[in-house]
Amino acid sequence: MNIRFTSTLTPEDENAIAPAILAALTGILDLLPLAYVIRIDTTDAHVYQRSSAKGLQPAESDPPSREPTTSDW
């Protein structure tokens, strides 16, 4: 999913509000079991970015990890 917002803020205002928007979105998305990347590019080329790989599943060839049990000893 790619979501774009266009603002009418000044470049200075964009740079002031971008970290707050990033923190708010990160706070919401961190509650969900999914991988995401949030990237905010401001008018004057500042980039604010966060990502999480929490929702990624191991490859099918990777054996599932498990804790050893007493029957393993």
PDB file of N, CA and C in Angstrom:
ATOM      1  N   MET A   1       0.848  -1.153   0.000  1.00  0.00           N
ATOM      2  CA  MET A   1       0.000   0.000   0.000  1.00  0.00           C
ATOM      3  C   MET A   1       0.902   1.227   0.000  1.00  0.00           C
ATOM      4  N   ASN A   2       0.576   2.174  -0.816  1.00  0.00           N
ATOM      5  CA  ASN A   2       1.321   3.419  -0.883  1.00  0.00           C
ATOM      6  C   ASN A   2       0.324   4.556  -0.682  1.00  0.00           C
ATOM      7  N   ILE A   3       0.510   5.358   0.343  1.00  0.00           N
ATOM      8  CA  ILE A   3      -0.402   6.458   0.643  1.00  0.00           C
ATOM      9  C   ILE A   3       0.371   7.754   0.521  1.00  0.00           C
ATOM     10  N   ARG A   4      -0.182   8.707  -0.207  1.00  0.00           N
ATOM     11  CA  ARG A   4       0.477  10.004  -0.372  1.00  0.00           C
ATOM     12  C   ARG A   4      -0.419  11.115   0.151  1.00  0.00           C
ATOM     13  N   PHE A   5       0.197  12.057   0.825  1.00  0.00           N
ATOM     14  CA  PHE A   5      -0.488  13.250   1.302  1.00  0.00           C
ATOM     15  C   PHE A   5       0.202  14.454   0.690  1.00  0.00           C
ATOM     16  N   THR A   6      -0.561  15.414   0.278  1.00  0.00           N
ATOM     17  CA  THR A   6      -0.021  16.668  -0.218  1.00  0.00           C
ATOM     18  C   THR A   6      -0.454  17.756   0.743  1.00  0.00           C
ATOM     19  N   SER A   7       0.509  18.537   1.226  1.00  0.00           N
ATOM     20  CA  SER A   7       0.175  19.567   2.203  1.00  0.00           C
ATOM     21  C   SER A   7       0.329  20.961   1.604  1.00  0.00           C
ATOM     22  N   THR A   8      -0.302  21.897   2.258  1.00  0.00           N
ATOM     23  CA  THR A   8      -0.150  23.303   1.884  1.00  0.00           C
ATOM     24  C   THR A   8       0.690  24.032   2.927  1.00  0.00           C
ATOM     25  N   LEU A   9       1.406  23.261   3.749  1.00  0.00           N
ATOM     26  CA  LEU A   9       2.264  23.844   4.773  1.00  0.00           C
ATOM     27  C   LEU A   9       3.522  24.439   4.151  1.00  0.00           C
ATOM     28  N   THR A  10       4.129  25.355   4.859  1.00  0.00           N
ATOM     29  CA  THR A  10       5.419  25.877   4.425  1.00  0.00           C
ATOM     30  C   THR A  10       6.476  24.807   4.691  1.00  0.00           C
ATOM     31  N   PRO A  11       7.628  24.885   4.022  1.00  0.00           N
ATOM     32  CA  PRO A  11       8.683  23.902   4.292  1.00  0.00           C
ATOM     33  C   PRO A  11       9.080  23.859   5.764  1.00  0.00           C
ATOM     34  N   GLU A  12       9.124  24.988   6.421  1.00  0.00           N
ATOM     35  CA  GLU A  12       9.486  25.021   7.839  1.00  0.00           C
ATOM     36  C   GLU A  12       8.431  24.302   8.674  1.00  0.00           C
ATOM     37  N   ASP A  13       7.151  24.532   8.355  1.00  0.00           N
ATOM     38  CA  ASP A  13       6.080  23.862   9.087  1.00  0.00           C
ATOM     39  C   ASP A  13       6.081  22.357   8.830  1.00  0.00           C
ATOM     40  N   GLU A  14       6.372  21.964   7.597  1.00  0.00           N
ATOM     41  CA  GLU A  14       6.456  20.532   7.291  1.00  0.00           C
ATOM     42  C   GLU A  14       7.526  19.870   8.140  1.00  0.00           C
ATOM     43  N   ASN A  15       8.692  20.512   8.257  1.00  0.00           N
ATOM     44  CA  ASN A  15       9.785  19.943   9.047  1.00  0.00           C
ATOM     45  C   ASN A  15       9.456  19.919  10.532  1.00  0.00           C
ATOM     46  N   ALA A  16       8.600  20.813  10.974  1.00  0.00           N
ATOM     47  CA  ALA A  16       8.210  20.823  12.382  1.00  0.00           C
ATOM     48  C   ALA A  16       7.184  19.737  12.686  1.00  0.00           C
ATOM     49  N   ILE A  17       6.274  19.477  11.765  1.00  0.00           N
ATOM     50  CA  ILE A  17       5.179  18.539  12.031  1.00  0.00           C
ATOM     51  C   ILE A  17       5.506  17.103  11.603  1.00  0.00           C
ATOM     52  N   ALA A  18       6.431  16.917  10.683  1.00  0.00           N
ATOM     53  CA  ALA A  18       6.748  15.573  10.177  1.00  0.00           C
ATOM     54  C   ALA A  18       7.164  14.594  11.287  1.00  0.00           C
ATOM     55  N   PRO A  19       8.033  14.973  12.221  1.00  0.00           N
ATOM     56  CA  PRO A  19       8.388  14.019  13.280  1.00  0.00           C
ATOM     57  C   PRO A  19       7.188  13.618  14.142  1.00  0.00           C
ATOM     58  N   ALA A  20       6.264  14.534  14.375  1.00  0.00           N
ATOM     59  CA  ALA A  20       5.075  14.206  15.173  1.00  0.00           C
ATOM     60  C   ALA A  20       4.163  13.244  14.419  1.00  0.00           C
ATOM     61  N   ILE A  21       3.998  13.456  13.125  1.00  0.00           N
ATOM     62  CA  ILE A  21       3.188  12.546  12.310  1.00  0.00           C
ATOM     63  C   ILE A  21       3.836  11.166  12.282  1.00  0.00           C
ATOM     64  N   LEU A  22       5.142  11.133  12.113  1.00  0.00           N
ATOM     65  CA  LEU A  22       5.872   9.863  12.091  1.00  0.00           C
ATOM     66  C   LEU A  22       5.715   9.122  13.420  1.00  0.00           C
ATOM     67  N   ALA A  23       5.838   9.825  14.522  1.00  0.00           N
ATOM     68  CA  ALA A  23       5.696   9.193  15.840  1.00  0.00           C
ATOM     69  C   ALA A  23       4.276   8.669  16.049  1.00  0.00           C
ATOM     70  N   ALA A  24       3.279   9.430  15.623  1.00  0.00           N
ATOM     71  CA  ALA A  24       1.886   8.996  15.795  1.00  0.00           C
ATOM     72  C   ALA A  24       1.599   7.743  14.968  1.00  0.00           C
ATOM     73  N   LEU A  25       2.021   7.737  13.718  1.00  0.00           N
ATOM     74  CA  LEU A  25       1.786   6.575  12.858  1.00  0.00           C
ATOM     75  C   LEU A  25       2.550   5.349  13.354  1.00  0.00           C
ATOM     76  N   THR A  26       3.778   5.557  13.797  1.00  0.00           N
ATOM     77  CA  THR A  26       4.577   4.453  14.328  1.00  0.00           C
ATOM     78  C   THR A  26       3.912   3.857  15.561  1.00  0.00           C
ATOM     79  N   GLY A  27       3.391   4.714  16.425  1.00  0.00           N
ATOM     80  CA  GLY A  27       2.710   4.235  17.624  1.00  0.00           C
ATOM     81  C   GLY A  27       1.516   3.359  17.308  1.00  0.00           C
ATOM     82  N   ILE A  28       0.788   3.703  16.268  1.00  0.00           N
ATOM     83  CA  ILE A  28      -0.369   2.904  15.860  1.00  0.00           C
ATOM     84  C   ILE A  28       0.081   1.600  15.196  1.00  0.00           C
ATOM     85  N   LEU A  29       0.995   1.701  14.241  1.00  0.00           N
ATOM     86  CA  LEU A  29       1.402   0.520  13.479  1.00  0.00           C
ATOM     87  C   LEU A  29       2.173  -0.489  14.324  1.00  0.00           C
ATOM     88  N   ASP A  30       2.864  -0.024  15.356  1.00  0.00           N
ATOM     89  CA  ASP A  30       3.597  -0.958  16.219  1.00  0.00           C
ATOM     90  C   ASP A  30       2.663  -1.865  17.015  1.00  0.00           C
ATOM     91  N   LEU A  31       1.406  -1.508  17.108  1.00  0.00           N
ATOM     92  CA  LEU A  31       0.437  -2.356  17.797  1.00  0.00           C
ATOM     93  C   LEU A  31      -0.039  -3.514  16.924  1.00  0.00           C
ATOM     94  N   LEU A  32       0.249  -3.459  15.642  1.00  0.00           N
ATOM     95  CA  LEU A  32      -0.226  -4.464  14.695  1.00  0.00           C
ATOM     96  C   LEU A  32       0.897  -5.414  14.296  1.00  0.00           C
ATOM     97  N   PRO A  33       0.558  -6.663  13.992  1.00  0.00           N
ATOM     98  CA  PRO A  33       1.591  -7.632  13.592  1.00  0.00           C
ATOM     99  C   PRO A  33       1.889  -7.547  12.095  1.00  0.00           C
ATOM    100  N   LEU A  34       2.475  -6.436  11.673  1.00  0.00           N
ATOM    101  CA  LEU A  34       2.778  -6.294  10.257  1.00  0.00           C
ATOM    102  C   LEU A  34       4.083  -5.554  10.059  1.00  0.00           C
ATOM    103  N   ALA A  35       4.677  -5.786   8.901  1.00  0.00           N
ATOM    104  CA  ALA A  35       5.886  -5.063   8.523  1.00  0.00           C
ATOM    105  C   ALA A  35       5.463  -3.780   7.825  1.00  0.00           C
ATOM    106  N   TYR A  36       6.220  -2.721   8.052  1.00  0.00           N
ATOM    107  CA  TYR A  36       5.870  -1.456   7.409  1.00  0.00           C
ATOM    108  C   TYR A  36       7.100  -0.581   7.245  1.00  0.00           C
ATOM    109  N   VAL A  37       6.980   0.374   6.342  1.00  0.00           N
ATOM    110  CA  VAL A  37       7.947   1.449   6.183  1.00  0.00           C
ATOM    111  C   VAL A  37       7.133   2.723   6.059  1.00  0.00           C
ATOM    112  N   ILE A  38       7.459   3.704   6.871  1.00  0.00           N
ATOM    113  CA  ILE A  38       6.847   5.023   6.762  1.00  0.00           C
ATOM    114  C   ILE A  38       7.955   5.967   6.318  1.00  0.00           C
ATOM    115  N   ARG A  39       7.694   6.709   5.268  1.00  0.00           N
ATOM    116  CA  ARG A  39       8.678   7.667   4.771  1.00  0.00           C
ATOM    117  C   ARG A  39       7.970   8.979   4.494  1.00  0.00           C
ATOM    118  N   ILE A  40       8.483  10.043   5.079  1.00  0.00           N
ATOM    119  CA  ILE A  40       7.946  11.374   4.849  1.00  0.00           C
ATOM    120  C   ILE A  40       9.044  12.196   4.187  1.00  0.00           C
ATOM    121  N   ASP A  41       8.780  12.640   2.962  1.00  0.00           N
ATOM    122  CA  ASP A  41       9.688  13.521   2.228  1.00  0.00           C
ATOM    123  C   ASP A  41       9.092  14.918   2.262  1.00  0.00           C
ATOM    124  N   THR A  42       9.817  15.867   2.825  1.00  0.00           N
ATOM    125  CA  THR A  42       9.297  17.226   2.892  1.00  0.00           C
ATOM    126  C   THR A  42       9.679  17.998   1.636  1.00  0.00           C
ATOM    127  N   THR A  43       9.072  19.149   1.472  1.00  0.00           N
ATOM    128  CA  THR A  43       9.294  19.977   0.290  1.00  0.00           C
ATOM    129  C   THR A  43      10.763  20.340   0.119  1.00  0.00           C
ATOM    130  N   ASP A  44      11.451  20.592   1.218  1.00  0.00           N
ATOM    131  CA  ASP A  44      12.862  20.976   1.099  1.00  0.00           C
ATOM    132  C   ASP A  44      13.815  19.790   1.281  1.00  0.00           C
ATOM    133  N   ALA A  45      13.342  18.592   0.941  1.00  0.00           N
ATOM    134  CA  ALA A  45      14.146  17.373   0.809  1.00  0.00           C
ATOM    135  C   ALA A  45      14.609  16.752   2.125  1.00  0.00           C
ATOM    136  N   HIS A  46      13.994  17.081   3.242  1.00  0.00           N
ATOM    137  CA  HIS A  46      14.268  16.344   4.470  1.00  0.00           C
ATOM    138  C   HIS A  46      13.477  15.034   4.410  1.00  0.00           C
ATOM    139  N   VAL A  47      14.089  13.966   4.905  1.00  0.00           N
ATOM    140  CA  VAL A  47      13.439  12.656   4.897  1.00  0.00           C
ATOM    141  C   VAL A  47      13.348  12.150   6.328  1.00  0.00           C
ATOM    142  N   TYR A  48      12.142  11.757   6.713  1.00  0.00           N
ATOM    143  CA  TYR A  48      11.886  11.158   8.018  1.00  0.00           C
ATOM    144  C   TYR A  48      11.354   9.759   7.739  1.00  0.00           C
ATOM    145  N   GLN A  49      12.001   8.740   8.321  1.00  0.00           N
ATOM    146  CA  GLN A  49      11.621   7.371   7.973  1.00  0.00           C
ATOM    147  C   GLN A  49      11.730   6.440   9.175  1.00  0.00           C
ATOM    148  N   ARG A  50      10.808   5.499   9.252  1.00  0.00           N
ATOM    149  CA  ARG A  50      10.836   4.416  10.249  1.00  0.00           C
ATOM    150  C   ARG A  50      10.367   3.149   9.569  1.00  0.00           C
ATOM    151  N   SER A  51      10.823   2.017  10.081  1.00  0.00           N
ATOM    152  CA  SER A  51      10.361   0.748   9.532  1.00  0.00           C
ATOM    153  C   SER A  51      10.339  -0.303  10.635  1.00  0.00           C
ATOM    154  N   SER A  52       9.583  -1.349  10.369  1.00  0.00           N
ATOM    155  CA  SER A  52       9.506  -2.484  11.278  1.00  0.00           C
ATOM    156  C   SER A  52       9.323  -3.741  10.449  1.00  0.00           C
ATOM    157  N   ALA A  53      10.048  -4.777  10.790  1.00  0.00           N
ATOM    158  CA  ALA A  53       9.935  -6.057  10.091  1.00  0.00           C
ATOM    159  C   ALA A  53       9.165  -7.066  10.921  1.00  0.00           C
ATOM    160  N   LYS A  54       8.424  -6.606  11.904  1.00  0.00           N
ATOM    161  CA  LYS A  54       7.727  -7.475  12.852  1.00  0.00           C
ATOM    162  C   LYS A  54       6.815  -8.489  12.175  1.00  0.00           C
ATOM    163  N   GLY A  55       6.174  -8.132  11.094  1.00  0.00           N
ATOM    164  CA  GLY A  55       5.201  -9.015  10.462  1.00  0.00           C
ATOM    165  C   GLY A  55       5.782  -9.990   9.461  1.00  0.00           C
ATOM    166  N   LEU A  56       7.083  -9.940   9.234  1.00  0.00           N
ATOM    167  CA  LEU A  56       7.678 -10.837   8.246  1.00  0.00           C
ATOM    168  C   LEU A  56       7.762 -12.250   8.789  1.00  0.00           C
ATOM    169  N   GLN A  57       7.428 -13.217   7.963  1.00  0.00           N
ATOM    170  CA  GLN A  57       7.475 -14.623   8.331  1.00  0.00           C
ATOM    171  C   GLN A  57       8.798 -15.210   7.855  1.00  0.00           C
ATOM    172  N   PRO A  58       9.353 -16.221   8.555  1.00  0.00           N
ATOM    173  CA  PRO A  58      10.571 -16.870   8.066  1.00  0.00           C
ATOM    174  C   PRO A  58      10.293 -17.589   6.750  1.00  0.00           C
ATOM    175  N   ALA A  59      11.334 -17.730   5.958  1.00  0.00           N
ATOM    176  CA  ALA A  59      11.193 -18.429   4.681  1.00  0.00           C
ATOM    177  C   ALA A  59      10.770 -19.870   4.935  1.00  0.00           C
ATOM    178  N   GLU A  60      10.089 -20.458   3.950  1.00  0.00           N
ATOM    179  CA  GLU A  60       9.594 -21.831   4.122  1.00  0.00           C
ATOM    180  C   GLU A  60      10.723 -22.821   4.330  1.00  0.00           C
ATOM    181  N   SER A  61      11.915 -22.538   3.801  1.00  0.00           N
ATOM    182  CA  SER A  61      13.028 -23.467   3.953  1.00  0.00           C
ATOM    183  C   SER A  61      13.640 -23.393   5.346  1.00  0.00           C
ATOM    184  N   ASP A  62      13.344 -22.317   6.093  1.00  0.00           N
ATOM    185  CA  ASP A  62      13.866 -22.197   7.449  1.00  0.00           C
ATOM    186  C   ASP A  62      13.026 -23.057   8.392  1.00  0.00           C
ATOM    187  N   PRO A  63      13.652 -23.936   9.155  1.00  0.00           N
ATOM    188  CA  PRO A  63      12.866 -24.730  10.108  1.00  0.00           C
ATOM    189  C   PRO A  63      12.352 -23.821  11.222  1.00  0.00           C
ATOM    190  N   PRO A  64      11.176 -24.078  11.719  1.00  0.00           N
ATOM    191  CA  PRO A  64      10.670 -23.254  12.823  1.00  0.00           C
ATOM    192  C   PRO A  64      11.526 -23.453  14.064  1.00  0.00           C
ATOM    193  N   SER A  65      11.789 -22.378  14.776  1.00  0.00           N
ATOM    194  CA  SER A  65      12.596 -22.503  15.974  1.00  0.00           C
ATOM    195  C   SER A  65      11.693 -22.914  17.126  1.00  0.00           C
ATOM    196  N   ARG A  66      12.229 -23.654  18.082  1.00  0.00           N
ATOM    197  CA  ARG A  66      11.460 -24.065  19.242  1.00  0.00           C
ATOM    198  C   ARG A  66      12.376 -24.189  20.420  1.00  0.00           C
ATOM    199  N   GLU A  67      11.795 -24.090  21.569  1.00  0.00           N
ATOM    200  CA  GLU A  67      12.541 -24.259  22.807  1.00  0.00           C
ATOM    201  C   GLU A  67      12.774 -25.745  23.034  1.00  0.00           C
ATOM    202  N   PRO A  68      13.950 -26.123  23.556  1.00  0.00           N
ATOM    203  CA  PRO A  68      14.169 -27.543  23.850  1.00  0.00           C
ATOM    204  C   PRO A  68      13.239 -28.009  24.969  1.00  0.00           C
ATOM    205  N   THR A  69      12.805 -29.224  24.862  1.00  0.00           N
ATOM    206  CA  THR A  69      11.955 -29.810  25.898  1.00  0.00           C
ATOM    207  C   THR A  69      12.746 -30.862  26.659  1.00  0.00           C
ATOM    208  N   THR A  70      12.168 -31.377  27.718  1.00  0.00           N
ATOM    209  CA  THR A  70      12.858 -32.410  28.506  1.00  0.00           C
ATOM    210  C   THR A  70      13.094 -33.671  27.691  1.00  0.00           C
ATOM    211  N   SER A  71      12.270 -33.932  26.684  1.00  0.00           N
ATOM    212  CA  SER A  71      12.478 -35.131  25.871  1.00  0.00           C
ATOM    213  C   SER A  71      13.684 -34.963  24.947  1.00  0.00           C
ATOM    214  N   ASP A  72      14.212 -33.761  24.788  1.00  0.00           N
ATOM    215  CA  ASP A  72      15.406 -33.544  23.973  1.00  0.00           C
ATOM    216  C   ASP A  72      16.680 -33.926  24.713  1.00  0.00           C
ATOM    217  N   TRP A  73      16.602 -34.111  26.064  1.00  0.00           N
ATOM    218  CA  TRP A  73      17.796 -34.395  26.841  1.00  0.00           C
ATOM    219  C   TRP A  73      18.019 -35.823  26.982  1.00  0.00           C
TER     220      TRP A  73
END
